[in-house]
């Protein structure tokens, strides 16, 4: 992931309503996507922003965190 594309995704997350956030979160919590983003210098920022903007949503942050722990271990 490049810096510019990371910035675009982060802006989309900031501006999205809850329904759109849920769609983003579902796709970003896919194990392969998390793995790919975690490897990237800028992908980590997308993961972090997703967890921040979705913190009020039930289980989203936990699911992403679970995938990150699987990748790290």
PDB file of N, CA and C in Angstrom:
ATOM      1  N   UNK A   1       0.851  -1.163   0.000  1.00  0.00           N
ATOM      2  CA  UNK A   1       0.000   0.000   0.000  1.00  0.00           C
ATOM      3  C   UNK A   1       0.900   1.230   0.000  1.00  0.00           C
ATOM      4  N   UNK A   2       0.518   2.203  -0.782  1.00  0.00           N
ATOM      5  CA  UNK A   2       1.265   3.453  -0.868  1.00  0.00           C
ATOM      6  C   UNK A   2       0.675   4.495   0.070  1.00  0.00           C
ATOM      7  N   UNK A   3       1.458   5.514   0.343  1.00  0.00           N
ATOM      8  CA  UNK A   3       1.019   6.550   1.266  1.00  0.00           C
ATOM      9  C   UNK A   3      -0.272   7.219   0.789  1.00  0.00           C
ATOM     10  N   UNK A   4      -0.350   7.552  -0.485  1.00  0.00           N
ATOM     11  CA  UNK A   4      -1.533   8.235  -1.004  1.00  0.00           C
ATOM     12  C   UNK A   4      -2.776   7.363  -0.884  1.00  0.00           C
ATOM     13  N   UNK A   5      -2.653   6.100  -1.235  1.00  0.00           N
ATOM     14  CA  UNK A   5      -3.831   5.219  -1.152  1.00  0.00           C
ATOM     15  C   UNK A   5      -4.254   5.010   0.305  1.00  0.00           C
ATOM     16  N   UNK A   6      -3.298   4.985   1.196  1.00  0.00           N
ATOM     17  CA  UNK A   6      -3.619   4.896   2.623  1.00  0.00           C
ATOM     18  C   UNK A   6      -4.421   6.114   3.061  1.00  0.00           C
ATOM     19  N   UNK A   7      -3.995   7.291   2.629  1.00  0.00           N
ATOM     20  CA  UNK A   7      -4.704   8.527   2.977  1.00  0.00           C
ATOM     21  C   UNK A   7      -6.129   8.529   2.436  1.00  0.00           C
ATOM     22  N   UNK A   8      -6.312   8.027   1.239  1.00  0.00           N
ATOM     23  CA  UNK A   8      -7.648   7.979   0.629  1.00  0.00           C
ATOM     24  C   UNK A   8      -8.563   7.061   1.432  1.00  0.00           C
ATOM     25  N   UNK A   9      -8.077   5.881   1.762  1.00  0.00           N
ATOM     26  CA  UNK A   9      -8.889   4.934   2.533  1.00  0.00           C
ATOM     27  C   UNK A   9      -9.222   5.508   3.902  1.00  0.00           C
ATOM     28  N   UNK A  10      -8.249   6.153   4.540  1.00  0.00           N
ATOM     29  CA  UNK A  10      -8.494   6.746   5.850  1.00  0.00           C
ATOM     30  C   UNK A  10      -9.559   7.843   5.775  1.00  0.00           C
ATOM     31  N   UNK A  11      -9.537   8.657   4.737  1.00  0.00           N
ATOM     32  CA  UNK A  11     -10.570   9.695   4.557  1.00  0.00           C
ATOM     33  C   UNK A  11     -11.937   9.066   4.333  1.00  0.00           C
ATOM     34  N   UNK A  12     -11.977   8.004   3.540  1.00  0.00           N
ATOM     35  CA  UNK A  12     -13.246   7.309   3.307  1.00  0.00           C
ATOM     36  C   UNK A  12     -13.809   6.779   4.623  1.00  0.00           C
ATOM     37  N   UNK A  13     -12.943   6.228   5.456  1.00  0.00           N
ATOM     38  CA  UNK A  13     -13.385   5.720   6.756  1.00  0.00           C
ATOM     39  C   UNK A  13     -13.911   6.855   7.630  1.00  0.00           C
ATOM     40  N   UNK A  14     -13.241   7.999   7.593  1.00  0.00           N
ATOM     41  CA  UNK A  14     -13.660   9.145   8.406  1.00  0.00           C
ATOM     42  C   UNK A  14     -15.028   9.681   7.993  1.00  0.00           C
ATOM     43  N   UNK A  15     -15.330   9.643   6.707  1.00  0.00           N
ATOM     44  CA  UNK A  15     -16.553  10.243   6.186  1.00  0.00           C
ATOM     45  C   UNK A  15     -17.731   9.274   6.088  1.00  0.00           C
ATOM     46  N   UNK A  16     -17.478   7.993   6.253  1.00  0.00           N
ATOM     47  CA  UNK A  16     -18.512   6.974   6.034  1.00  0.00           C
ATOM     48  C   UNK A  16     -19.532   6.941   7.175  1.00  0.00           C
ATOM     49  N   UNK A  17     -20.767   6.581   6.796  1.00  0.00           N
ATOM     50  CA  UNK A  17     -21.796   6.359   7.825  1.00  0.00           C
ATOM     51  C   UNK A  17     -21.620   4.943   8.378  1.00  0.00           C
ATOM     52  N   UNK A  18     -22.412   4.579   9.365  1.00  0.00           N
ATOM     53  CA  UNK A  18     -22.239   3.287  10.044  1.00  0.00           C
ATOM     54  C   UNK A  18     -22.405   2.091   9.117  1.00  0.00           C
ATOM     55  N   UNK A  19     -23.361   2.171   8.181  1.00  0.00           N
ATOM     56  CA  UNK A  19     -23.555   1.048   7.255  1.00  0.00           C
ATOM     57  C   UNK A  19     -22.326   0.841   6.383  1.00  0.00           C
ATOM     58  N   UNK A  20     -21.776   1.941   5.874  1.00  0.00           N
ATOM     59  CA  UNK A  20     -20.587   1.851   5.038  1.00  0.00           C
ATOM     60  C   UNK A  20     -19.372   1.421   5.868  1.00  0.00           C
ATOM     61  N   UNK A  21     -19.292   1.911   7.094  1.00  0.00           N
ATOM     62  CA  UNK A  21     -18.197   1.489   7.977  1.00  0.00           C
ATOM     63  C   UNK A  21     -18.221  -0.014   8.208  1.00  0.00           C
ATOM     64  N   UNK A  22     -19.414  -0.556   8.376  1.00  0.00           N
ATOM     65  CA  UNK A  22     -19.532  -1.996   8.589  1.00  0.00           C
ATOM     66  C   UNK A  22     -19.019  -2.761   7.367  1.00  0.00           C
ATOM     67  N   UNK A  23     -19.330  -2.279   6.182  1.00  0.00           N
ATOM     68  CA  UNK A  23     -18.832  -2.929   4.963  1.00  0.00           C
ATOM     69  C   UNK A  23     -17.313  -2.849   4.881  1.00  0.00           C
ATOM     70  N   UNK A  24     -16.761  -1.668   5.150  1.00  0.00           N
ATOM     71  CA  UNK A  24     -15.302  -1.514   5.157  1.00  0.00           C
ATOM     72  C   UNK A  24     -14.677  -2.441   6.195  1.00  0.00           C
ATOM     73  N   UNK A  25     -15.235  -2.440   7.380  1.00  0.00           N
ATOM     74  CA  UNK A  25     -14.677  -3.240   8.470  1.00  0.00           C
ATOM     75  C   UNK A  25     -14.710  -4.734   8.138  1.00  0.00           C
ATOM     76  N   UNK A  26     -15.784  -5.183   7.522  1.00  0.00           N
ATOM     77  CA  UNK A  26     -15.878  -6.594   7.142  1.00  0.00           C
ATOM     78  C   UNK A  26     -14.793  -6.965   6.149  1.00  0.00           C
ATOM     79  N   UNK A  27     -14.578  -6.103   5.155  1.00  0.00           N
ATOM     80  CA  UNK A  27     -13.550  -6.428   4.165  1.00  0.00           C
ATOM     81  C   UNK A  27     -12.148  -6.268   4.745  1.00  0.00           C
ATOM     82  N   UNK A  28     -11.965  -5.301   5.639  1.00  0.00           N
ATOM     83  CA  UNK A  28     -10.647  -5.087   6.227  1.00  0.00           C
ATOM     84  C   UNK A  28     -10.321  -6.086   7.331  1.00  0.00           C
ATOM     85  N   UNK A  29     -11.291  -6.831   7.796  1.00  0.00           N
ATOM     86  CA  UNK A  29     -11.011  -7.831   8.825  1.00  0.00           C
ATOM     87  C   UNK A  29     -10.768  -9.216   8.234  1.00  0.00           C
ATOM     88  N   UNK A  30     -10.793  -9.330   6.922  1.00  0.00           N
ATOM     89  CA  UNK A  30     -10.448 -10.586   6.260  1.00  0.00           C
ATOM     90  C   UNK A  30      -8.988 -10.924   6.594  1.00  0.00           C
ATOM     91  N   UNK A  31      -8.703 -12.170   6.956  1.00  0.00           N
ATOM     92  CA  UNK A  31      -7.342 -12.535   7.364  1.00  0.00           C
ATOM     93  C   UNK A  31      -6.250 -12.168   6.350  1.00  0.00           C
ATOM     94  N   UNK A  32      -6.516 -12.380   5.088  1.00  0.00           N
ATOM     95  CA  UNK A  32      -5.508 -12.064   4.071  1.00  0.00           C
ATOM     96  C   UNK A  32      -5.303 -10.553   3.925  1.00  0.00           C
ATOM     97  N   UNK A  33      -6.377  -9.796   4.070  1.00  0.00           N
ATOM     98  CA  UNK A  33      -6.276  -8.334   3.982  1.00  0.00           C
ATOM     99  C   UNK A  33      -5.501  -7.800   5.183  1.00  0.00           C
ATOM    100  N   UNK A  34      -5.812  -8.305   6.366  1.00  0.00           N
ATOM    101  CA  UNK A  34      -5.092  -7.876   7.575  1.00  0.00           C
ATOM    102  C   UNK A  34      -3.608  -8.199   7.436  1.00  0.00           C
ATOM    103  N   UNK A  35      -3.309  -9.374   6.953  1.00  0.00           N
ATOM    104  CA  UNK A  35      -1.916  -9.781   6.768  1.00  0.00           C
ATOM    105  C   UNK A  35      -1.199  -8.846   5.799  1.00  0.00           C
ATOM    106  N   UNK A  36      -1.844  -8.556   4.702  1.00  0.00           N
ATOM    107  CA  UNK A  36      -1.264  -7.662   3.700  1.00  0.00           C
ATOM    108  C   UNK A  36      -1.064  -6.249   4.244  1.00  0.00           C
ATOM    109  N   UNK A  37      -2.067  -5.740   4.940  1.00  0.00           N
ATOM    110  CA  UNK A  37      -1.968  -4.394   5.498  1.00  0.00           C
ATOM    111  C   UNK A  37      -0.929  -4.316   6.610  1.00  0.00           C
ATOM    112  N   UNK A  38      -0.842  -5.353   7.418  1.00  0.00           N
ATOM    113  CA  UNK A  38       0.106  -5.350   8.527  1.00  0.00           C
ATOM    114  C   UNK A  38       1.552  -5.358   8.027  1.00  0.00           C
ATOM    115  N   UNK A  39       1.789  -5.925   6.866  1.00  0.00           N
ATOM    116  CA  UNK A  39       3.129  -5.956   6.281  1.00  0.00           C
ATOM    117  C   UNK A  39       3.544  -4.594   5.732  1.00  0.00           C
ATOM    118  N   UNK A  40       2.577  -3.777   5.392  1.00  0.00           N
ATOM    119  CA  UNK A  40       2.833  -2.501   4.730  1.00  0.00           C
ATOM    120  C   UNK A  40       3.093  -1.389   5.741  1.00  0.00           C
ATOM    121  N   UNK A  41       4.013  -0.505   5.421  1.00  0.00           N
ATOM    122  CA  UNK A  41       4.284   0.646   6.292  1.00  0.00           C
ATOM    123  C   UNK A  41       3.047   1.519   6.468  1.00  0.00           C
ATOM    124  N   UNK A  42       2.284   1.695   5.422  1.00  0.00           N
ATOM    125  CA  UNK A  42       1.115   2.565   5.469  1.00  0.00           C
ATOM    126  C   UNK A  42      -0.174   1.799   5.733  1.00  0.00           C
ATOM    127  N   UNK A  43      -0.177   0.509   5.476  1.00  0.00           N
ATOM    128  CA  UNK A  43      -1.360  -0.310   5.734  1.00  0.00           C
ATOM    129  C   UNK A  43      -1.722  -0.354   7.207  1.00  0.00           C
ATOM    130  N   UNK A  44      -0.703  -0.285   8.032  1.00  0.00           N
ATOM    131  CA  UNK A  44      -0.952  -0.282   9.474  1.00  0.00           C
ATOM    132  C   UNK A  44      -1.834   0.900   9.867  1.00  0.00           C
ATOM    133  N   UNK A  45      -1.635   2.046   9.218  1.00  0.00           N
ATOM    134  CA  UNK A  45      -2.449   3.224   9.522  1.00  0.00           C
ATOM    135  C   UNK A  45      -3.911   3.000   9.169  1.00  0.00           C
ATOM    136  N   UNK A  46      -4.156   2.245   8.114  1.00  0.00           N
ATOM    137  CA  UNK A  46      -5.532   1.917   7.723  1.00  0.00           C
ATOM    138  C   UNK A  46      -6.171   1.026   8.789  1.00  0.00           C
ATOM    139  N   UNK A  47      -5.425   0.046   9.267  1.00  0.00           N
ATOM    140  CA  UNK A  47      -5.939  -0.824  10.332  1.00  0.00           C
ATOM    141  C   UNK A  47      -6.248   0.002  11.579  1.00  0.00           C
ATOM    142  N   UNK A  48      -5.313   0.842  11.942  1.00  0.00           N
ATOM    143  CA  UNK A  48      -5.484   1.669  13.134  1.00  0.00           C
ATOM    144  C   UNK A  48      -6.693   2.592  13.006  1.00  0.00           C
ATOM    145  N   UNK A  49      -6.850   3.235  11.854  1.00  0.00           N
ATOM    146  CA  UNK A  49      -7.986   4.143  11.651  1.00  0.00           C
ATOM    147  C   UNK A  49      -9.300   3.376  11.675  1.00  0.00           C
ATOM    148  N   UNK A  50      -9.313   2.197  11.066  1.00  0.00           N
ATOM    149  CA  UNK A  50     -10.521   1.369  11.066  1.00  0.00           C
ATOM    150  C   UNK A  50     -10.928   1.031  12.494  1.00  0.00           C
ATOM    151  N   UNK A  51      -9.970   0.642  13.303  1.00  0.00           N
ATOM    152  CA  UNK A  51     -10.277   0.299  14.684  1.00  0.00           C
ATOM    153  C   UNK A  51     -10.763   1.516  15.468  1.00  0.00           C
ATOM    154  N   UNK A  52     -10.221   2.675  15.160  1.00  0.00           N
ATOM    155  CA  UNK A  52     -10.647   3.896  15.859  1.00  0.00           C
ATOM    156  C   UNK A  52     -12.057   4.333  15.470  1.00  0.00           C
ATOM    157  N   UNK A  53     -12.347   4.370  14.171  1.00  0.00           N
ATOM    158  CA  UNK A  53     -13.659   4.874  13.745  1.00  0.00           C
ATOM    159  C   UNK A  53     -14.767   3.853  13.979  1.00  0.00           C
ATOM    160  N   UNK A  54     -14.406   2.595  14.109  1.00  0.00           N
ATOM    161  CA  UNK A  54     -15.409   1.548  14.346  1.00  0.00           C
ATOM    162  C   UNK A  54     -15.491   1.136  15.810  1.00  0.00           C
ATOM    163  N   UNK A  55     -14.843   1.883  16.679  1.00  0.00           N
ATOM    164  CA  UNK A  55     -14.782   1.487  18.089  1.00  0.00           C
ATOM    165  C   UNK A  55     -16.152   1.417  18.750  1.00  0.00           C
ATOM    166  N   UNK A  56     -17.118   2.175  18.230  1.00  0.00           N
ATOM    167  CA  UNK A  56     -18.461   2.152  18.810  1.00  0.00           C
ATOM    168  C   UNK A  56     -19.311   0.996  18.275  1.00  0.00           C
ATOM    169  N   UNK A  57     -18.787   0.260  17.309  1.00  0.00           N
ATOM    170  CA  UNK A  57     -19.530  -0.841  16.700  1.00  0.00           C
ATOM    171  C   UNK A  57     -19.181  -2.154  17.391  1.00  0.00           C
ATOM    172  N   UNK A  58     -20.198  -2.904  17.704  1.00  0.00           N
ATOM    173  CA  UNK A  58     -20.057  -4.156  18.446  1.00  0.00           C
ATOM    174  C   UNK A  58     -19.165  -5.160  17.711  1.00  0.00           C
ATOM    175  N   UNK A  59     -18.061  -5.527  18.331  1.00  0.00           N
ATOM    176  CA  UNK A  59     -17.234  -6.623  17.852  1.00  0.00           C
ATOM    177  C   UNK A  59     -16.267  -6.336  16.718  1.00  0.00           C
ATOM    178  N   UNK A  60     -16.344  -5.175  16.091  1.00  0.00           N
ATOM    179  CA  UNK A  60     -15.492  -4.900  14.935  1.00  0.00           C
ATOM    180  C   UNK A  60     -14.027  -4.811  15.348  1.00  0.00           C
ATOM    181  N   UNK A  61     -13.772  -4.012  16.344  1.00  0.00           N
ATOM    182  CA  UNK A  61     -12.399  -3.829  16.813  1.00  0.00           C
ATOM    183  C   UNK A  61     -11.812  -5.157  17.280  1.00  0.00           C
ATOM    184  N   UNK A  62     -12.601  -5.942  17.974  1.00  0.00           N
ATOM    185  CA  UNK A  62     -12.143  -7.223  18.482  1.00  0.00           C
ATOM    186  C   UNK A  62     -11.805  -8.194  17.354  1.00  0.00           C
ATOM    187  N   UNK A  63     -12.633  -8.192  16.301  1.00  0.00           N
ATOM    188  CA  UNK A  63     -12.396  -9.101  15.178  1.00  0.00           C
ATOM    189  C   UNK A  63     -11.096  -8.757  14.457  1.00  0.00           C
ATOM    190  N   UNK A  64     -10.872  -7.474  14.230  1.00  0.00           N
ATOM    191  CA  UNK A  64      -9.635  -7.054  13.570  1.00  0.00           C
ATOM    192  C   UNK A  64      -8.441  -7.374  14.467  1.00  0.00           C
ATOM    193  N   UNK A  65      -8.571  -7.091  15.741  1.00  0.00           N
ATOM    194  CA  UNK A  65      -7.495  -7.382  16.683  1.00  0.00           C
ATOM    195  C   UNK A  65      -7.189  -8.881  16.718  1.00  0.00           C
ATOM    196  N   UNK A  66      -8.217  -9.698  16.665  1.00  0.00           N
ATOM    197  CA  UNK A  66      -8.041 -11.150  16.657  1.00  0.00           C
ATOM    198  C   UNK A  66      -7.231 -11.588  15.444  1.00  0.00           C
ATOM    199  N   UNK A  67      -7.536 -11.011  14.280  1.00  0.00           N
ATOM    200  CA  UNK A  67      -6.787 -11.361  13.064  1.00  0.00           C
ATOM    201  C   UNK A  67      -5.336 -10.894  13.148  1.00  0.00           C
ATOM    202  N   UNK A  68      -5.127  -9.717  13.754  1.00  0.00           N
ATOM    203  CA  UNK A  68      -3.758  -9.227  13.928  1.00  0.00           C
ATOM    204  C   UNK A  68      -2.955 -10.143  14.831  1.00  0.00           C
ATOM    205  N   UNK A  69      -3.573 -10.597  15.913  1.00  0.00           N
ATOM    206  CA  UNK A  69      -2.884 -11.505  16.846  1.00  0.00           C
ATOM    207  C   UNK A  69      -2.539 -12.805  16.141  1.00  0.00           C
ATOM    208  N   UNK A  70      -3.434 -13.323  15.323  1.00  0.00           N
ATOM    209  CA  UNK A  70      -3.153 -14.554  14.569  1.00  0.00           C
ATOM    210  C   UNK A  70      -1.953 -14.342  13.646  1.00  0.00           C
ATOM    211  N   UNK A  71      -1.904 -13.180  13.007  1.00  0.00           N
ATOM    212  CA  UNK A  71      -0.813 -12.895  12.067  1.00  0.00           C
ATOM    213  C   UNK A  71       0.513 -12.759  12.803  1.00  0.00           C
ATOM    214  N   UNK A  72       0.503 -12.107  13.947  1.00  0.00           N
ATOM    215  CA  UNK A  72       1.730 -11.850  14.693  1.00  0.00           C
ATOM    216  C   UNK A  72       2.284 -13.131  15.316  1.00  0.00           C
ATOM    217  N   UNK A  73       1.392 -14.013  15.780  1.00  0.00           N
ATOM    218  CA  UNK A  73       1.863 -15.232  16.442  1.00  0.00           C
ATOM    219  C   UNK A  73       2.251 -16.326  15.499  1.00  0.00           C
TER     220      UNK A  73
END
